[in-house]
């Protein structure tokens, strides 16, 4: 595919201009059995269709076997039992026999070969869900608080999330043509060549865009890490509107100080009837002012950071017919899920099941995948809700079903009480190696064992029973939201990580780099003195993240001051 464009925009922008339907030559490649992969250009288009082309990096030295990661779009994280069964079938037939719960309430399939790709996407669509816009330079899956324990207003919030997802979905006939009709669009046809999405235009967004809805006091969606967050304001169990937060994001690049994680700014309050207008105003502001030259600088957070929250607020108000008013009072207290059996506000029950690093699979003594499949088959009236903490919530459960569900799960080694230790239950990891092409170090395969070692160390120090939020990623892009954790490991190279400390339990504070490089093998040597100081110097009841922010941050800053001053003097 060839196209001409000014040299001041990135290659991705050139590609989008050349094929604004997002069709590329995907269908032609799918139809050619001699090809096992998509072209480099088409891999940029497949992302818009929810597909990342990958390879097994464990096997690179012997053979490069291409496979696909397919991400589904599940607005609000809610699935029916029938949809769960359909997804389980896909995982068994076409993927690596696992389902992975993402931090954005989606299901990912890993290890799908090109030969099974078309059937996989068609089956997802047959279940009335989709992969369109699960990735790419568009609004991604719209997420919403899944737990029905706090207020009946949660259902209204969920409905608003669904409305927003529908209103901000891209419109292109390429998706249906490729995956349902299985035909290649004629890229030379003027209708296709000149296509312009009614909301996104011809070049869509500069980068991805993320929206969440959250119901205080639980910040289970990490709302401040999103480009756009709607924070529910509930009075007497009625939703009165949302506080609007803009400009959050996790991604950064090692060694590039112009990139950084950022918390969103809360800029105003919007009535429920104006949610779509505000969402479109924020998205189009990003569309029109985001950086299309440098993709590392192309997120909305940099627009907010550099132009200022006041400018962004005025622009959103202008575009939404002045829908924003003054911020209403709210408070967050926690970010975690409620594990085990719980009562919903309507009197029914729900059950949150811990999923280690989000990977649903069968292992000896713990056949979680089979157990959930059988729950869906035997109790078809249940909802399967995916949490942003990578867990599965079974909801809408009559009290009379509790014993049967508990027994069925137990028959496969799945506990409903005391499912995991405090540290494991509060941990998250991205997939990283061997499938993610961006990974610099292990994450999903590394973190459970690392947590075991930290637990052992804590026990030796007399800190057993203390919760610490620990997250890991194989690279600095932040898919598991590491920069909000009390302790985070961010991959720099095989077996080497940056150590970040100081996030908080409410998800309202970023952590900071404590050490630029530590070796995984030397974990105990690195953490023992830090945890010992927490034990000896903490205030009563002080969490580790709060201790790190109060005591360790000033010490790190003081130690770095001479070097910073020397660099400043040298530069001047």
Protein backbone atom coordinates (compact mmCIF):
# COMPACT_ATOMS: atom_id res chain seq x y z
CA UNK A 1 0.00 0.00 0.00
CA UNK A 2 1.39 3.37 -0.92
CA UNK A 3 0.32 6.81 0.16
CA UNK A 4 1.73 10.29 0.25
CA UNK A 5 1.40 12.56 3.24
CA UNK A 6 3.32 15.38 4.84
CA UNK A 7 6.43 14.14 6.65
CA UNK A 8 5.27 15.84 9.84
CA UNK A 9 2.86 13.06 10.77
CA UNK A 10 3.62 9.54 11.96
CA UNK A 11 3.48 6.48 9.73
CA UNK A 12 0.26 5.35 11.41
CA UNK A 13 -1.41 8.58 10.33
CA UNK A 14 -0.27 7.96 6.75
CA UNK A 15 -1.77 4.47 6.85
CA UNK A 16 -5.09 5.69 8.20
CA UNK A 17 -5.30 8.34 5.49
CA UNK A 18 -4.65 5.72 2.84
CA UNK A 19 -7.35 3.33 4.11
CA UNK A 20 -9.86 5.25 6.25
CA UNK A 21 -12.27 2.29 6.28
CA UNK A 22 -9.56 0.42 8.27
CA UNK A 23 -9.84 -2.45 5.77
CA UNK A 24 -6.26 -2.59 4.55
CA UNK A 25 -5.74 -5.92 2.80
CA UNK A 26 -6.82 -7.97 5.83
CA UNK A 27 -9.52 -9.96 4.02
CA UNK A 28 -7.22 -10.84 1.13
CA UNK A 29 -4.60 -12.17 3.55
CA UNK A 30 -7.22 -14.16 5.46
CA UNK A 31 -8.31 -15.80 2.22
CA UNK A 32 -4.76 -16.83 1.24
CA UNK A 33 -3.88 -20.16 2.95
CA UNK A 34 -0.22 -19.81 1.96
CA UNK A 35 0.23 -16.84 4.29
CA UNK A 36 0.67 -17.31 8.03
CA UNK A 37 0.82 -13.63 8.93
CA UNK A 38 -0.37 -10.12 8.03
CA UNK A 39 1.87 -7.47 6.54
CA UNK A 40 3.40 -4.90 8.86
CA UNK A 41 1.00 -2.26 7.55
CA UNK A 42 -2.03 -4.47 8.03
CA UNK A 43 -1.05 -5.23 11.63
CA UNK A 44 -1.82 -1.59 12.36
CA UNK A 45 -5.31 -2.02 10.91
CA UNK A 46 -5.99 -5.34 12.65
CA UNK A 47 -5.61 -3.55 15.98
CA UNK A 48 -8.75 -1.56 15.22
CA UNK A 49 -10.47 -4.93 14.78
CA UNK A 50 -9.25 -6.10 18.19
CA UNK A 51 -6.33 -8.20 16.97
CA UNK A 52 -2.60 -8.08 17.73
CA UNK A 53 -0.23 -10.21 15.66
CA UNK A 54 2.35 -11.82 17.92
CA UNK A 55 4.78 -14.70 18.08
CA UNK A 56 5.96 -17.05 20.81
CA UNK A 57 9.15 -15.39 21.95
CA UNK A 58 10.22 -18.53 23.81
CA UNK A 59 10.61 -20.17 20.38
CA UNK A 60 12.20 -17.35 18.41
CA UNK A 61 15.64 -18.98 18.34
CA UNK A 62 14.26 -22.11 16.70
CA UNK A 63 11.26 -20.94 14.68
CA UNK A 64 9.08 -17.86 14.44
CA UNK A 65 5.49 -19.03 14.69
CA UNK A 66 2.97 -16.25 14.24
CA UNK A 67 -0.23 -16.19 16.27
CA UNK A 68 -2.86 -13.68 17.26
CA UNK A 69 -4.06 -12.16 20.48
CA UNK A 70 -7.74 -11.30 20.12
CA UNK A 71 -9.28 -8.80 22.52
CA UNK A 72 -13.04 -8.65 22.84
CA UNK A 73 -15.12 -5.61 23.70
CA UNK A 74 -17.42 -6.20 26.69
CA UNK A 75 -18.99 -2.86 27.73
CA UNK A 76 -19.17 -2.60 31.50
CA UNK A 77 -17.66 -6.08 31.78
CA UNK A 78 -21.04 -7.86 31.85
CA UNK A 79 -21.59 -11.16 30.04
CA UNK A 80 -24.48 -13.59 29.98
CA UNK A 81 -23.94 -17.25 30.82
CA UNK A 82 -24.56 -18.07 27.16
CA UNK A 83 -21.84 -15.64 26.10
CA UNK A 84 -19.46 -17.16 28.63
CA UNK A 85 -20.04 -20.61 27.13
CA UNK A 86 -19.40 -19.24 23.63
CA UNK A 87 -16.12 -17.68 24.78
CA UNK A 88 -15.10 -20.90 26.53
CA UNK A 89 -15.71 -22.77 23.27
CA UNK A 90 -13.49 -20.30 21.40
CA UNK A 91 -10.68 -20.64 23.95
CA UNK A 92 -10.81 -24.43 23.69
CA UNK A 93 -11.13 -24.70 19.90
CA UNK A 94 -8.98 -21.89 18.54
CA UNK A 95 -6.88 -20.37 21.34
CA UNK A 96 -4.51 -21.81 23.96
CA UNK A 97 -7.34 -23.20 26.14
CA UNK A 98 -7.32 -20.17 28.46
CA UNK A 99 -9.36 -17.00 28.81
CA UNK A 100 -7.62 -13.93 30.14
CA UNK A 101 -9.48 -11.23 32.05
CA UNK A 102 -7.97 -7.85 31.25
CA UNK A 103 -7.72 -4.77 33.44
CA UNK A 104 -10.37 -3.19 31.17
CA UNK A 105 -13.07 -5.80 31.81
CA UNK A 106 -12.51 -7.68 28.56
CA UNK A 107 -11.61 -11.22 27.64
CA UNK A 108 -8.48 -11.84 25.58
CA UNK A 109 -7.75 -14.99 23.61
CA UNK A 110 -4.10 -15.92 23.14
CA UNK A 111 -2.40 -18.23 20.67
CA UNK A 112 -4.96 -18.07 17.84
CA UNK A 113 -3.44 -19.03 14.49
CA UNK A 114 -4.35 -17.11 11.34
CA UNK A 115 -6.27 -20.14 10.11
CA UNK A 116 -8.66 -19.89 13.07
CA UNK A 117 -8.87 -16.12 13.23
CA UNK A 118 -11.93 -15.62 11.05
CA UNK A 119 -13.97 -18.26 12.86
CA UNK A 120 -12.99 -16.82 16.23
CA UNK A 121 -14.16 -13.30 15.40
CA UNK A 122 -17.35 -14.61 13.81
CA UNK A 123 -18.18 -16.61 16.93
CA UNK A 124 -17.57 -13.57 19.13
CA UNK A 125 -20.01 -11.59 17.00
CA UNK A 126 -22.52 -14.44 17.00
CA UNK A 127 -22.57 -14.15 20.80
CA UNK A 128 -23.68 -10.49 20.34
CA UNK A 129 -20.35 -9.12 21.52
CA UNK A 130 -17.56 -7.76 19.32
CA UNK A 131 -13.85 -7.17 18.85
CA UNK A 132 -14.24 -3.90 16.93
CA UNK A 133 -12.51 -1.00 18.73
CA UNK A 134 -11.11 -3.26 21.44
CA UNK A 135 -7.74 -1.87 20.27
CA UNK A 136 -6.60 0.87 17.90
CA UNK A 137 -6.75 4.67 17.80
CA UNK A 138 -10.34 4.87 19.01
CA UNK A 139 -12.31 4.80 22.20
CA UNK A 140 -11.61 1.39 23.75
CA UNK A 141 -13.92 -0.74 25.88
CA UNK A 142 -16.01 1.46 28.19
CA UNK A 143 -15.69 0.11 31.73
CA UNK A 144 -17.92 0.44 34.77
CA UNK A 145 -17.91 -0.60 38.43
CA UNK A 146 -19.11 -4.24 38.48
CA UNK A 147 -19.97 -4.77 42.14
CA UNK A 148 -23.70 -4.56 43.01
CA UNK A 149 -23.16 -4.15 46.75
CA UNK A 150 -23.23 -0.41 47.38
CA UNK A 151 -26.27 1.17 45.73
CA UNK A 152 -28.98 0.33 43.18
CA UNK A 153 -27.76 3.40 41.29
CA UNK A 154 -24.96 1.15 40.01
CA UNK A 155 -27.37 -0.25 37.42
CA UNK A 156 -28.11 3.26 36.12
CA UNK A 157 -24.39 3.90 35.91
CA UNK A 158 -23.95 0.68 33.95
CA UNK A 159 -26.71 1.75 31.55
CA UNK A 160 -24.91 5.05 30.99
CA UNK A 161 -21.71 3.16 30.25
CA UNK A 162 -23.53 1.11 27.60
CA UNK A 163 -24.99 4.27 26.04
CA UNK A 164 -21.56 5.84 25.90
CA UNK A 165 -19.97 2.77 24.36
CA UNK A 166 -22.58 2.73 21.60
CA UNK A 167 -22.37 6.48 20.94
CA UNK A 168 -18.57 6.44 20.59
CA UNK A 169 -18.19 3.28 18.52
CA UNK A 170 -16.52 3.76 15.13
CA UNK A 171 -18.67 3.19 12.05
CA UNK A 172 -17.03 1.37 9.16
CA UNK A 173 -18.39 -1.34 6.88
CA UNK A 174 -14.93 -2.92 6.74
CA UNK A 175 -15.45 -4.87 9.98
CA UNK A 176 -18.62 -6.59 8.72
CA UNK A 177 -17.14 -7.11 5.26
CA UNK A 178 -13.97 -8.77 6.56
CA UNK A 179 -15.27 -10.89 9.42
CA UNK A 180 -18.88 -11.66 8.50
CA UNK A 181 -19.12 -11.44 4.68
CA UNK A 182 -15.45 -12.45 4.28
CA UNK A 183 -14.81 -10.15 1.33
CA UNK A 184 -12.03 -7.67 0.60
CA UNK A 185 -13.23 -4.10 0.17
CA UNK A 186 -12.13 -2.39 -3.02
CA UNK A 187 -9.68 0.20 -1.67
CA UNK A 188 -9.80 2.12 -4.97
CA UNK A 189 -13.56 2.61 -4.77
CA UNK A 190 -14.11 6.36 -4.12
CA UNK A 191 -16.69 5.52 -1.44
CA UNK A 192 -14.07 3.56 0.48
CA UNK A 193 -11.11 5.77 -0.38
CA UNK A 194 -12.90 8.90 0.82
CA UNK A 195 -14.75 7.39 3.77
CA UNK A 196 -14.91 9.57 6.88
CA UNK A 197 -16.27 8.32 10.18
CA UNK A 198 -19.01 10.71 11.44
CA UNK A 199 -17.29 11.10 14.82
CA UNK A 200 -13.65 10.20 14.23
CA UNK A 201 -13.08 11.52 10.72
CA UNK A 202 -10.63 9.86 8.32
CA UNK A 203 -7.67 9.50 10.67
CA UNK A 204 -9.52 8.58 13.87
CA UNK A 205 -7.68 9.54 17.10
CA UNK A 206 -3.97 10.21 17.59
CA UNK A 207 -3.81 7.20 19.97
CA UNK A 208 -6.09 5.08 22.13
CA UNK A 209 -8.73 6.60 24.39
CA UNK A 210 -10.15 5.08 27.59
CA UNK A 211 -13.37 5.84 29.48
CA UNK A 212 -14.61 4.48 32.79
CA UNK A 213 -17.58 4.91 35.11
CA UNK A 214 -17.01 4.46 38.83
CA UNK A 215 -19.23 4.48 41.92
CA UNK A 216 -17.59 5.90 45.07
CA UNK A 217 -16.45 5.13 47.69
CA UNK A 218 -14.86 2.20 45.85
CA UNK A 219 -12.40 3.21 43.15
CA UNK A 220 -12.28 -0.28 41.65
CA UNK A 221 -11.86 1.20 38.17
CA UNK A 222 -8.74 3.29 38.98
CA UNK A 223 -10.65 6.21 37.50
CA UNK A 224 -7.71 8.62 37.57
CA UNK A 225 -5.76 6.45 35.11
CA UNK A 226 -8.34 7.00 32.34
CA UNK A 227 -8.50 9.62 29.61
CA UNK A 228 -12.08 10.29 30.72
CA UNK A 229 -13.69 9.23 33.96
CA UNK A 230 -17.27 9.63 35.14
CA UNK A 231 -17.43 9.57 38.95
CA UNK A 232 -21.01 8.86 40.05
CA UNK A 233 -22.69 11.24 42.47
CA UNK A 234 -25.45 9.34 44.28
CA UNK A 235 -27.97 10.86 46.69
CA UNK A 236 -30.55 8.69 48.48
CA UNK A 237 -29.65 5.81 46.14
CA UNK A 238 -30.44 7.93 43.08
CA UNK A 239 -27.87 8.93 40.50
CA UNK A 240 -27.86 12.72 40.21
CA UNK A 241 -24.91 12.98 37.83
CA UNK A 242 -21.16 12.60 37.50
CA UNK A 243 -18.01 14.43 38.34
CA UNK A 244 -15.86 14.44 35.21
CA UNK A 245 -12.14 13.59 35.31
CA UNK A 246 -9.89 14.05 32.26
CA UNK A 247 -6.28 13.45 31.29
CA UNK A 248 -5.21 10.31 33.11
CA UNK A 249 -2.91 7.68 31.66
CA UNK A 250 -0.20 5.19 32.62
CA UNK A 251 2.07 4.74 29.60
CA UNK A 252 5.65 5.99 29.52
CA UNK A 253 8.98 5.10 27.91
CA UNK A 254 12.17 4.28 29.78
CA UNK A 255 14.71 7.09 29.47
CA UNK A 256 12.27 9.52 27.86
CA UNK A 257 11.34 12.08 30.51
CA UNK A 258 8.80 13.68 28.19
CA UNK A 259 6.62 10.61 28.81
CA UNK A 260 5.14 9.95 32.22
CA UNK A 261 2.14 8.54 34.07
CA UNK A 262 -0.47 11.14 34.98
CA UNK A 263 -3.56 11.32 37.18
CA UNK A 264 -6.71 12.81 35.68
CA UNK A 265 -7.98 16.23 36.77
CA UNK A 266 -11.54 16.50 38.07
CA UNK A 267 -12.94 19.45 36.12
CA UNK A 268 -16.70 19.61 36.70
CA UNK A 269 -20.08 17.96 37.17
CA UNK A 270 -22.42 16.77 34.43
CA UNK A 271 -26.08 15.74 34.58
CA UNK A 272 -26.82 12.20 33.34
CA UNK A 273 -28.63 13.44 30.24
CA UNK A 274 -25.48 15.26 29.10
CA UNK A 275 -23.01 12.39 29.51
CA UNK A 276 -22.84 11.61 25.78
CA UNK A 277 -22.38 15.28 24.86
CA UNK A 278 -19.48 15.60 27.29
CA UNK A 279 -17.92 12.30 26.21
CA UNK A 280 -17.99 13.41 22.57
CA UNK A 281 -16.63 16.82 23.52
CA UNK A 282 -13.67 15.29 25.34
CA UNK A 283 -12.99 12.77 22.59
CA UNK A 284 -13.12 15.34 19.78
CA UNK A 285 -10.90 17.70 21.74
CA UNK A 286 -8.34 14.93 21.80
CA UNK A 287 -9.00 14.20 18.11
CA UNK A 288 -8.32 17.81 17.13
CA UNK A 289 -5.45 18.72 19.48
CA UNK A 290 -3.61 15.44 20.13
CA UNK A 291 -0.09 14.96 18.77
CA UNK A 292 -0.12 13.17 15.40
CA UNK A 293 3.64 13.47 14.88
CA UNK A 294 5.02 11.47 17.82
CA UNK A 295 2.99 8.48 19.03
CA UNK A 296 4.90 8.39 22.30
CA UNK A 297 3.48 11.85 22.98
CA UNK A 298 0.07 11.26 21.44
CA UNK A 299 -2.11 10.52 24.47
CA UNK A 300 -4.78 12.94 25.71
CA UNK A 301 -2.99 13.33 29.05
CA UNK A 302 -0.32 15.42 27.33
CA UNK A 303 -2.95 17.77 25.91
CA UNK A 304 -4.31 18.33 29.42
CA UNK A 305 -0.85 18.62 30.95
CA UNK A 306 0.48 21.11 28.42
CA UNK A 307 -2.59 23.21 27.68
CA UNK A 308 -3.87 23.11 31.25
CA UNK A 309 -7.07 21.85 32.84
CA UNK A 310 -8.71 25.28 32.60
CA UNK A 311 -8.21 25.43 28.82
CA UNK A 312 -9.46 21.86 28.39
CA UNK A 313 -12.51 22.56 30.57
CA UNK A 314 -13.41 25.61 28.51
CA UNK A 315 -13.03 23.65 25.27
CA UNK A 316 -15.23 20.82 26.56
CA UNK A 317 -17.85 23.28 27.74
CA UNK A 318 -17.83 24.99 24.35
CA UNK A 319 -18.29 21.72 22.50
CA UNK A 320 -20.95 20.35 24.88
CA UNK A 321 -23.06 23.52 25.09
CA UNK A 322 -21.76 24.30 28.59
CA UNK A 323 -22.77 20.98 30.15
CA UNK A 324 -20.26 21.21 33.02
CA UNK A 325 -20.91 22.83 36.40
CA UNK A 326 -19.06 22.86 39.73
CA UNK A 327 -17.53 19.66 41.11
CA UNK A 328 -19.64 17.82 43.72
CA UNK A 329 -18.17 16.27 46.86
CA UNK A 330 -17.00 12.62 46.75
CA UNK A 331 -14.45 10.35 48.42
CA UNK A 332 -12.64 7.14 47.51
CA UNK A 333 -11.53 4.65 50.17
CA UNK A 334 -10.39 1.51 48.34
CA UNK A 335 -9.69 -0.05 44.94
CA UNK A 336 -10.12 -3.77 45.61
CA UNK A 337 -12.87 -6.28 44.94
CA UNK A 338 -15.10 -7.92 47.56
CA UNK A 339 -14.10 -11.58 47.50
CA UNK A 340 -16.33 -14.51 48.34
CA UNK A 341 -20.09 -14.53 48.83
CA UNK A 342 -21.68 -11.09 49.22
CA UNK A 343 -25.23 -9.74 49.27
CA UNK A 344 -26.34 -7.34 46.55
CA UNK A 345 -28.57 -4.37 47.31
CA UNK A 346 -31.56 -6.17 45.74
CA UNK A 347 -31.24 -9.09 48.15
CA UNK A 348 -29.69 -11.48 45.65
CA UNK A 349 -26.16 -12.76 46.04
CA UNK A 350 -22.95 -12.33 44.09
CA UNK A 351 -19.69 -14.22 44.30
CA UNK A 352 -16.29 -12.78 43.46
CA UNK A 353 -13.72 -15.36 42.42
CA UNK A 354 -10.02 -14.57 42.55
CA UNK A 355 -8.24 -15.16 39.24
CA UNK A 356 -4.45 -15.21 39.54
CA UNK A 357 -3.12 -12.60 37.07
CA UNK A 358 -6.46 -12.80 35.25
CA UNK A 359 -5.66 -16.14 33.58
CA UNK A 360 -8.60 -18.57 33.59
CA UNK A 361 -7.27 -22.07 33.03
CA UNK A 362 -7.24 -25.58 34.39
CA UNK A 363 -4.30 -26.69 36.51
CA UNK A 364 -3.91 -29.69 38.78
CA UNK A 365 -6.29 -29.32 41.72
CA UNK A 366 -7.81 -26.05 40.45
CA UNK A 367 -9.87 -26.47 37.28
CA UNK A 368 -11.24 -22.93 37.19
CA UNK A 369 -12.00 -22.93 33.46
CA UNK A 370 -14.08 -26.10 33.64
CA UNK A 371 -15.78 -24.95 36.83
CA UNK A 372 -16.94 -21.67 35.32
CA UNK A 373 -18.13 -23.44 32.19
CA UNK A 374 -20.26 -25.78 34.25
CA UNK A 375 -21.64 -22.92 36.35
CA UNK A 376 -22.73 -21.19 33.13
CA UNK A 377 -24.39 -24.38 31.88
CA UNK A 378 -26.17 -25.28 35.11
CA UNK A 379 -27.16 -21.74 36.16
CA UNK A 380 -27.96 -19.95 32.87
CA UNK A 381 -29.69 -17.03 34.61
CA UNK A 382 -26.42 -15.79 36.15
CA UNK A 383 -24.37 -12.84 34.97
CA UNK A 384 -20.62 -13.10 34.56
CA UNK A 385 -19.04 -9.77 35.43
CA UNK A 386 -15.38 -9.03 34.77
CA UNK A 387 -13.61 -6.76 37.23
CA UNK A 388 -10.88 -4.24 36.45
CA UNK A 389 -8.81 -6.14 39.02
CA UNK A 390 -8.83 -9.17 36.67
CA UNK A 391 -11.36 -11.21 38.65
CA UNK A 392 -14.71 -12.83 37.78
CA UNK A 393 -17.93 -11.92 39.61
CA UNK A 394 -20.93 -14.24 39.40
CA UNK A 395 -23.97 -12.01 39.90
CA UNK A 396 -27.77 -12.13 39.98
CA UNK A 397 -27.71 -15.28 42.12
CA UNK A 398 -30.84 -16.35 44.03
CA UNK A 399 -30.09 -17.35 47.61
CA UNK A 400 -31.32 -20.85 46.81
CA UNK A 401 -28.46 -21.35 44.31
CA UNK A 402 -25.66 -20.61 46.76
CA UNK A 403 -25.13 -24.16 48.01
CA UNK A 404 -25.21 -25.67 44.52
CA UNK A 405 -22.71 -23.20 43.12
CA UNK A 406 -20.39 -23.61 46.09
CA UNK A 407 -20.48 -27.40 45.74
CA UNK A 408 -19.90 -27.32 41.99
CA UNK A 409 -16.90 -25.04 42.34
CA UNK A 410 -15.50 -27.12 45.21
CA UNK A 411 -15.70 -30.27 43.06
CA UNK A 412 -13.11 -28.62 40.78
CA UNK A 413 -10.90 -27.34 43.59
CA UNK A 414 -12.20 -23.76 43.44
CA UNK A 415 -12.69 -22.22 46.87
CA UNK A 416 -15.21 -19.47 47.62
CA UNK A 417 -13.70 -18.44 50.96
CA UNK A 418 -10.05 -17.71 51.68
CA UNK A 419 -9.29 -18.01 47.99
CA UNK A 420 -5.93 -16.25 48.13
CA UNK A 421 -3.60 -14.51 50.57
CA UNK A 422 -3.86 -10.75 51.05
CA UNK A 423 -0.85 -10.07 48.84
CA UNK A 424 -1.95 -12.36 46.01
CA UNK A 425 -5.53 -11.04 46.15
CA UNK A 426 -4.34 -7.43 45.77
CA UNK A 427 -1.83 -8.12 42.96
CA UNK A 428 -2.05 -7.64 39.19
CA UNK A 429 0.22 -8.37 36.24
CA UNK A 430 0.20 -7.86 32.48
CA UNK A 431 0.77 -10.89 30.17
CA UNK A 432 4.28 -9.82 29.01
CA UNK A 433 6.45 -12.73 27.87
CA UNK A 434 6.22 -14.90 25.88
CA UNK A 435 3.50 -13.32 23.71
CA UNK A 436 3.70 -9.52 24.04
CA UNK A 437 6.10 -7.98 21.55
CA UNK A 438 6.73 -5.00 23.83
CA UNK A 439 7.78 -6.97 26.91
CA UNK A 440 11.29 -6.40 28.22
CA UNK A 441 10.91 -8.77 31.17
CA UNK A 442 8.55 -11.35 32.63
CA UNK A 443 5.37 -10.31 34.43
CA UNK A 444 2.44 -12.77 34.51
CA UNK A 445 4.73 -15.78 34.76
CA UNK A 446 6.94 -14.07 37.31
CA UNK A 447 4.60 -12.30 39.71
CA UNK A 448 2.96 -15.19 41.63
CA UNK A 449 6.34 -16.57 42.65
CA UNK A 450 7.58 -13.10 43.49
CA UNK A 451 4.55 -12.56 45.74
CA UNK A 452 5.35 -15.84 47.50
CA UNK A 453 8.86 -14.60 48.20
CA UNK A 454 7.60 -11.25 49.52
CA UNK A 455 5.13 -13.06 51.76
CA UNK A 456 7.91 -15.23 53.14
CA UNK A 457 10.06 -12.17 53.75
CA UNK A 458 7.19 -10.37 55.45
CA UNK A 459 6.58 -13.35 57.67
CA UNK A 460 10.22 -13.38 58.73
CA UNK A 461 9.94 -9.69 59.63
CA UNK A 462 6.69 -10.07 61.56
CA UNK A 463 4.59 -8.37 58.86
CA UNK A 464 2.36 -11.32 58.01
CA UNK A 465 -1.27 -10.37 57.47
CA UNK A 466 -0.47 -6.91 56.12
CA UNK A 467 -1.99 -6.03 52.73
CA UNK A 468 0.27 -4.39 50.15
CA UNK A 469 -0.93 -3.62 46.62
CA UNK A 470 1.73 -5.09 44.31
CA UNK A 471 1.65 -4.89 40.51
CA UNK A 472 4.05 -5.79 37.73
CA UNK A 473 4.46 -5.09 34.03
CA UNK A 474 6.97 -6.37 31.54
CA UNK A 475 7.52 -2.91 30.09
CA UNK A 476 6.79 0.72 31.04
CA UNK A 477 3.49 0.99 29.11
CA UNK A 478 1.51 0.36 32.26
CA UNK A 479 -1.17 -2.17 31.23
CA UNK A 480 -1.58 -3.44 34.80
CA UNK A 481 -1.62 0.13 36.16
CA UNK A 482 1.68 -0.31 38.05
CA UNK A 483 2.14 3.37 38.80
CA UNK A 484 -0.81 3.27 41.21
CA UNK A 485 0.57 0.36 43.28
CA UNK A 486 2.20 0.50 46.69
CA UNK A 487 4.99 -1.64 45.21
CA UNK A 488 5.46 -2.00 41.45
CA UNK A 489 7.95 -3.87 39.30
CA UNK A 490 8.35 -2.39 35.80
CA UNK A 491 10.42 -4.44 33.37
CA UNK A 492 13.67 -3.00 31.99
CA UNK A 493 15.44 -6.15 30.76
CA UNK A 494 15.24 -9.90 31.36
CA UNK A 495 15.31 -10.39 35.13
CA UNK A 496 15.64 -6.66 35.81
CA UNK A 497 13.00 -4.19 36.94
CA UNK A 498 12.47 -0.63 38.04
CA UNK A 499 11.13 -0.54 41.58
CA UNK A 500 8.33 1.97 42.19
CA UNK A 501 6.95 2.67 45.66
CA UNK A 502 4.25 4.81 47.23
CA UNK A 503 0.80 4.42 45.68
CA UNK A 504 -2.17 4.31 48.02
CA UNK A 505 -5.17 2.10 48.76
CA UNK A 506 -7.72 4.58 47.39
CA UNK A 507 -6.06 4.87 43.98
CA UNK A 508 -5.58 8.62 44.27
CA UNK A 509 -1.77 8.90 44.29
CA UNK A 510 0.95 7.93 41.84
CA UNK A 511 3.98 6.09 43.11
CA UNK A 512 7.58 7.08 42.32
CA UNK A 513 10.80 5.38 41.23
CA UNK A 514 12.71 4.12 44.25
CA UNK A 515 15.44 2.24 42.37
CA UNK A 516 16.07 2.39 38.65
CA UNK A 517 17.20 -1.21 38.36
CA UNK A 518 16.94 -4.20 40.66
CA UNK A 519 17.57 -7.84 39.83
CA UNK A 520 14.69 -10.22 40.41
CA UNK A 521 17.11 -12.69 41.97
CA UNK A 522 18.07 -10.07 44.56
CA UNK A 523 14.51 -9.19 45.57
CA UNK A 524 14.96 -10.04 49.25
CA UNK A 525 18.18 -8.01 49.47
CA UNK A 526 16.41 -4.99 47.97
CA UNK A 527 13.16 -5.16 49.95
CA UNK A 528 14.31 -6.41 53.35
CA UNK A 529 15.69 -3.04 54.57
CA UNK A 530 12.66 -1.17 53.20
CA UNK A 531 10.12 -3.46 54.84
CA UNK A 532 12.15 -3.46 58.06
CA UNK A 533 12.01 0.32 58.17
CA UNK A 534 8.24 0.23 57.56
CA UNK A 535 7.82 -2.09 60.51
CA UNK A 536 9.98 0.02 62.81
CA UNK A 537 9.11 3.57 61.68
CA UNK A 538 5.45 3.41 60.64
CA UNK A 539 2.72 5.33 62.43
CA UNK A 540 -0.10 3.20 63.91
CA UNK A 541 -1.95 1.41 61.13
CA UNK A 542 0.09 3.11 58.39
CA UNK A 543 0.05 1.20 55.10
CA UNK A 544 3.28 0.58 53.25
CA UNK A 545 2.45 2.96 50.41
CA UNK A 546 1.70 5.80 52.80
CA UNK A 547 4.92 5.12 54.70
CA UNK A 548 6.90 5.16 51.45
CA UNK A 549 5.39 8.50 50.44
CA UNK A 550 5.96 10.04 53.87
CA UNK A 551 9.45 8.74 54.66
CA UNK A 552 11.17 7.26 51.60
CA UNK A 553 10.23 9.79 48.93
CA UNK A 554 11.92 12.75 50.69
CA UNK A 555 15.05 10.67 51.23
CA UNK A 556 15.27 9.67 47.57
CA UNK A 557 14.72 13.27 46.50
CA UNK A 558 17.43 14.51 48.85
CA UNK A 559 19.89 11.90 47.63
CA UNK A 560 19.21 12.83 44.00
CA UNK A 561 19.45 16.60 44.54
CA UNK A 562 23.26 16.95 44.07
CA UNK A 563 23.20 15.02 40.79
CA UNK A 564 20.25 17.05 39.51
CA UNK A 565 22.00 20.30 40.45
CA UNK A 566 25.18 19.19 38.69
CA UNK A 567 23.31 18.34 35.49
CA UNK A 568 21.49 21.67 35.60
CA UNK A 569 24.75 23.56 36.04
CA UNK A 570 26.38 21.61 33.20
CA UNK A 571 23.45 22.34 30.90
CA UNK A 572 23.57 26.04 31.68
